[in-house]
């Protein structure tokens, strides 16, 4: 039987647990939870450059995570190249994750429009590679607490990034690598990192990735997928 003090302690503990779970559900994951590990991530594909990137990563023993769209630079429904790239990445054990169907800001959607952005991508990955992603990166990194709550309720881990190469801005490798170095120097090196790039740029797939791999290895870090960072299955 609870005493008055025990009841109060129990209630306070319950509130703390609830608040903790609420905060967790409304936060995007920005860092790799595995100390000393780095996840390379690529947004907006599959693209005409994706398969060559997969081949390079395979050649150096690095597994990456691809946050894909269904209708962005290429249309996954119709593009043979995009479909082949997706299948190549998955068969090589790179992680396939969602970046929504058409790269629209999820904060602007509700109801069926919101659901469609998620479900259409799940349907095509199920059709082409036999899996449904359990990880998603909201386009533009935009996700308010309600968007995150809805994605969590659909079984998704919501991923942002700790390190942005900004390869979409300058297309200058020296500047992009400076962005990475600054991020690493500012961050707690006891944590891991999630690096954002885009496999829709030839310079990124052919040059920047090689620089990233060399730099990460020089720092003594190991590579892993985002699912390995988080410690939960990659697929539903």
Protein backbone atom coordinates (compact mmCIF):
# COMPACT_ATOMS: atom_id res chain seq x y z
CA UNK A 1 0.00 0.00 0.00
CA UNK A 2 1.30 3.47 -0.92
CA UNK A 3 1.96 6.02 1.81
CA UNK A 4 1.40 9.68 0.98
CA UNK A 5 5.09 10.15 0.27
CA UNK A 6 5.27 7.00 -1.83
CA UNK A 7 2.27 8.12 -3.85
CA UNK A 8 3.90 11.46 -4.54
CA UNK A 9 7.17 9.81 -5.54
CA UNK A 10 5.31 7.41 -7.83
CA UNK A 11 3.36 10.22 -9.49
CA UNK A 12 6.42 12.37 -10.01
CA UNK A 13 8.27 9.43 -11.50
CA UNK A 14 5.38 8.70 -13.85
CA UNK A 15 5.27 12.31 -15.00
CA UNK A 16 9.01 12.29 -15.61
CA UNK A 17 8.80 9.12 -17.68
CA UNK A 18 5.90 10.51 -19.71
CA UNK A 19 7.70 13.80 -20.31
CA UNK A 20 10.86 11.98 -21.33
CA UNK A 21 9.00 9.83 -23.83
CA UNK A 22 7.20 12.89 -25.22
CA UNK A 23 10.45 14.77 -25.77
CA UNK A 24 11.99 11.73 -27.41
CA UNK A 25 9.02 11.32 -29.73
CA UNK A 26 9.25 14.96 -30.79
CA UNK A 27 12.98 15.09 -31.53
CA UNK A 28 14.91 14.20 -34.64
CA UNK A 29 18.02 12.08 -34.26
CA UNK A 30 21.06 14.16 -35.21
CA UNK A 31 24.04 12.15 -33.99
CA UNK A 32 25.25 8.59 -34.24
CA UNK A 33 24.75 6.98 -30.85
CA UNK A 34 27.79 4.75 -31.40
CA UNK A 35 30.92 6.54 -30.25
CA UNK A 36 33.65 6.62 -32.84
CA UNK A 37 31.31 5.85 -35.74
CA UNK A 38 30.21 7.84 -38.78
CA UNK A 39 27.21 7.32 -41.03
CA UNK A 40 27.48 8.64 -44.58
CA UNK A 41 24.02 9.58 -45.83
CA UNK A 42 22.84 10.62 -49.28
CA UNK A 43 19.57 12.38 -50.08
CA UNK A 44 17.36 12.91 -53.16
CA UNK A 45 18.28 9.86 -55.25
CA UNK A 46 18.33 7.35 -56.73
CA UNK A 47 20.00 9.19 -59.59
CA UNK A 48 22.20 8.48 -62.59
CA UNK A 49 25.26 8.79 -60.33
CA UNK A 50 24.04 6.53 -57.54
CA UNK A 51 25.16 3.18 -58.89
CA UNK A 52 28.74 4.34 -59.47
CA UNK A 53 28.75 5.67 -55.91
CA UNK A 54 27.56 2.29 -54.65
CA UNK A 55 30.35 0.59 -56.59
CA UNK A 56 32.97 2.89 -55.08
CA UNK A 57 31.67 2.45 -51.53
CA UNK A 58 31.65 -1.30 -52.00
CA UNK A 59 35.25 -1.19 -53.21
CA UNK A 60 36.40 0.46 -49.97
CA UNK A 61 34.14 -1.55 -47.67
CA UNK A 62 31.89 1.32 -46.59
CA UNK A 63 28.14 0.96 -46.11
CA UNK A 64 26.07 4.13 -46.49
CA UNK A 65 22.44 5.11 -46.03
CA UNK A 66 20.39 6.37 -48.97
CA UNK A 67 17.36 8.55 -48.18
CA UNK A 68 15.42 8.18 -51.40
CA UNK A 69 12.54 9.92 -53.14
CA UNK A 70 10.06 8.44 -55.56
CA UNK A 71 9.63 11.57 -57.66
CA UNK A 72 12.42 14.11 -57.44
CA UNK A 73 15.41 14.28 -59.80
CA UNK A 74 14.24 11.01 -61.37
CA UNK A 75 10.91 9.20 -61.20
CA UNK A 76 11.39 5.85 -59.53
CA UNK A 77 8.23 4.51 -61.13
CA UNK A 78 9.57 5.02 -64.64
CA UNK A 79 13.36 5.33 -64.58
CA UNK A 80 15.21 2.09 -65.25
CA UNK A 81 18.45 3.71 -64.08
CA UNK A 82 16.90 4.75 -60.78
CA UNK A 83 15.44 1.31 -60.21
CA UNK A 84 18.74 -0.40 -61.00
CA UNK A 85 20.60 1.94 -58.65
CA UNK A 86 18.14 1.25 -55.84
CA UNK A 87 18.43 -2.49 -56.32
CA UNK A 88 22.23 -2.29 -56.46
CA UNK A 89 22.42 -0.31 -53.23
CA UNK A 90 20.09 -2.65 -51.39
CA UNK A 91 21.72 -5.84 -52.66
CA UNK A 92 25.10 -4.48 -51.50
CA UNK A 93 23.62 -4.06 -47.99
CA UNK A 94 23.52 -0.30 -47.98
CA UNK A 95 20.55 0.99 -46.01
CA UNK A 96 17.55 2.30 -47.91
CA UNK A 97 15.53 4.94 -46.06
CA UNK A 98 12.67 7.29 -46.91
CA UNK A 99 12.97 10.93 -47.94
CA UNK A 100 9.24 10.98 -48.85
CA UNK A 101 7.72 10.48 -52.28
CA UNK A 102 8.08 13.94 -53.80
CA UNK A 103 10.38 15.91 -51.47
CA UNK A 104 7.68 18.21 -50.14
CA UNK A 105 7.84 19.91 -46.74
CA UNK A 106 5.82 17.58 -44.51
CA UNK A 107 4.93 20.42 -42.15
CA UNK A 108 2.70 21.81 -44.91
CA UNK A 109 0.67 18.60 -45.29
CA UNK A 110 -2.07 16.87 -43.36
CA UNK A 111 -4.49 13.99 -43.73
CA UNK A 112 -4.34 11.96 -46.94
CA UNK A 113 -1.73 14.23 -48.52
CA UNK A 114 0.66 13.56 -45.64
CA UNK A 115 -0.02 9.83 -45.64
CA UNK A 116 0.44 9.58 -49.41
CA UNK A 117 3.98 10.96 -49.23
CA UNK A 118 4.88 8.14 -46.86
CA UNK A 119 2.84 5.25 -48.24
CA UNK A 120 3.73 5.70 -51.91
CA UNK A 121 7.42 5.47 -51.10
CA UNK A 122 6.83 2.37 -48.96
CA UNK A 123 4.86 0.74 -51.76
CA UNK A 124 7.56 1.19 -54.37
CA UNK A 125 10.40 0.00 -52.14
CA UNK A 126 8.30 -3.03 -51.23
CA UNK A 127 7.71 -3.68 -54.92
CA UNK A 128 11.31 -3.20 -56.07
CA UNK A 129 13.43 -4.49 -53.19
CA UNK A 130 10.96 -6.20 -50.87
CA UNK A 131 11.29 -3.92 -47.83
CA UNK A 132 9.64 -0.92 -46.19
CA UNK A 133 12.02 1.59 -44.60
CA UNK A 134 11.85 2.21 -40.87
CA UNK A 135 13.87 5.44 -41.10
CA UNK A 136 12.92 8.74 -42.68
CA UNK A 137 14.57 12.10 -43.20
CA UNK A 138 12.02 14.89 -43.66
CA UNK A 139 12.77 17.03 -46.73
CA UNK A 140 14.80 20.14 -45.93
CA UNK A 141 15.27 18.75 -42.42
CA UNK A 142 11.91 20.35 -41.57
CA UNK A 143 9.75 18.54 -39.05
CA UNK A 144 7.81 20.16 -36.25
CA UNK A 145 6.72 18.21 -33.19
CA UNK A 146 3.41 17.16 -34.76
CA UNK A 147 5.12 15.91 -37.93
CA UNK A 148 7.61 13.93 -35.86
CA UNK A 149 4.80 12.50 -33.74
CA UNK A 150 2.93 11.32 -36.84
CA UNK A 151 6.06 9.77 -38.34
CA UNK A 152 6.87 8.00 -35.07
CA UNK A 153 3.32 6.65 -34.97
CA UNK A 154 3.89 5.16 -38.43
CA UNK A 155 6.93 3.29 -37.16
CA UNK A 156 9.67 5.65 -38.29
CA UNK A 157 12.87 6.83 -36.67
CA UNK A 158 13.19 10.47 -37.78
CA UNK A 159 16.72 11.40 -38.80
CA UNK A 160 18.42 14.74 -39.30
CA UNK A 161 22.21 15.14 -39.40
CA UNK A 162 25.11 16.38 -37.31
CA UNK A 163 27.30 17.38 -40.25
CA UNK A 164 26.16 19.07 -43.46
CA UNK A 165 28.63 19.11 -46.34
CA UNK A 166 26.42 21.71 -48.06
CA UNK A 167 27.31 20.10 -51.37
CA UNK A 168 24.16 21.62 -52.85
CA UNK A 169 25.49 25.16 -52.33
CA UNK A 170 29.02 25.66 -53.53
CA UNK A 171 30.02 22.50 -55.42
CA UNK A 172 33.46 23.38 -54.07
CA UNK A 173 35.09 20.35 -52.48
CA UNK A 174 37.54 22.35 -50.37
CA UNK A 175 34.66 24.35 -48.88
CA UNK A 176 32.58 21.22 -48.36
CA UNK A 177 35.43 19.51 -46.53
CA UNK A 178 35.94 22.64 -44.42
CA UNK A 179 32.30 22.33 -43.40
CA UNK A 180 32.95 18.77 -42.29
CA UNK A 181 36.13 19.60 -40.37
CA UNK A 182 34.44 22.47 -38.54
CA UNK A 183 31.56 20.22 -37.56
CA UNK A 184 33.92 17.57 -36.22
CA UNK A 185 35.98 20.11 -34.26
CA UNK A 186 32.88 21.66 -32.65
CA UNK A 187 31.24 18.40 -31.74
CA UNK A 188 31.79 16.03 -28.86
CA UNK A 189 34.15 13.48 -30.31
CA UNK A 190 32.86 10.90 -27.85
CA UNK A 191 29.72 10.80 -30.01
CA UNK A 192 29.36 9.67 -33.59
CA UNK A 193 28.39 11.66 -36.64
CA UNK A 194 25.75 11.57 -39.36
CA UNK A 195 27.02 13.30 -42.51
CA UNK A 196 24.61 14.73 -45.10
CA UNK A 197 25.44 14.74 -48.81
CA UNK A 198 23.43 14.28 -52.02
CA UNK A 199 23.96 11.55 -54.62
CA UNK A 200 22.38 13.70 -57.34
CA UNK A 201 25.62 15.63 -57.87
CA UNK A 202 28.41 14.02 -59.87
CA UNK A 203 31.06 15.91 -57.94
CA UNK A 204 29.71 14.48 -54.69
CA UNK A 205 29.65 10.90 -55.91
CA UNK A 206 32.96 11.02 -57.77
CA UNK A 207 35.12 13.32 -55.65
CA UNK A 208 33.65 14.48 -52.36
CA UNK A 209 32.85 10.98 -51.14
CA UNK A 210 36.45 9.89 -51.64
CA UNK A 211 37.61 12.89 -49.59
CA UNK A 212 35.07 12.06 -46.87
CA UNK A 213 36.14 8.43 -46.66
CA UNK A 214 39.81 9.40 -46.42
CA UNK A 215 39.15 12.06 -43.77
CA UNK A 216 36.96 9.85 -41.60
CA UNK A 217 39.53 7.08 -41.68
CA UNK A 218 42.30 9.55 -40.79
CA UNK A 219 40.30 10.58 -37.72
CA UNK A 220 40.15 6.96 -36.61
CA UNK A 221 36.39 6.60 -37.01
CA UNK A 222 34.52 3.58 -38.32
CA UNK A 223 31.68 3.64 -40.83
CA UNK A 224 28.19 2.33 -40.21
CA UNK A 225 24.65 2.75 -41.46
CA UNK A 226 22.13 4.98 -39.71
CA UNK A 227 20.29 1.90 -38.45
CA UNK A 228 23.53 0.72 -36.86
CA UNK A 229 23.96 4.19 -35.33
CA UNK A 230 20.53 4.09 -33.76
CA UNK A 231 20.57 0.40 -32.90
CA UNK A 232 17.17 -0.47 -34.36
CA UNK A 233 16.22 -2.47 -37.49
CA UNK A 234 16.50 -0.72 -40.84
CA UNK A 235 13.17 -2.01 -42.12
CA UNK A 236 9.66 -2.56 -40.82
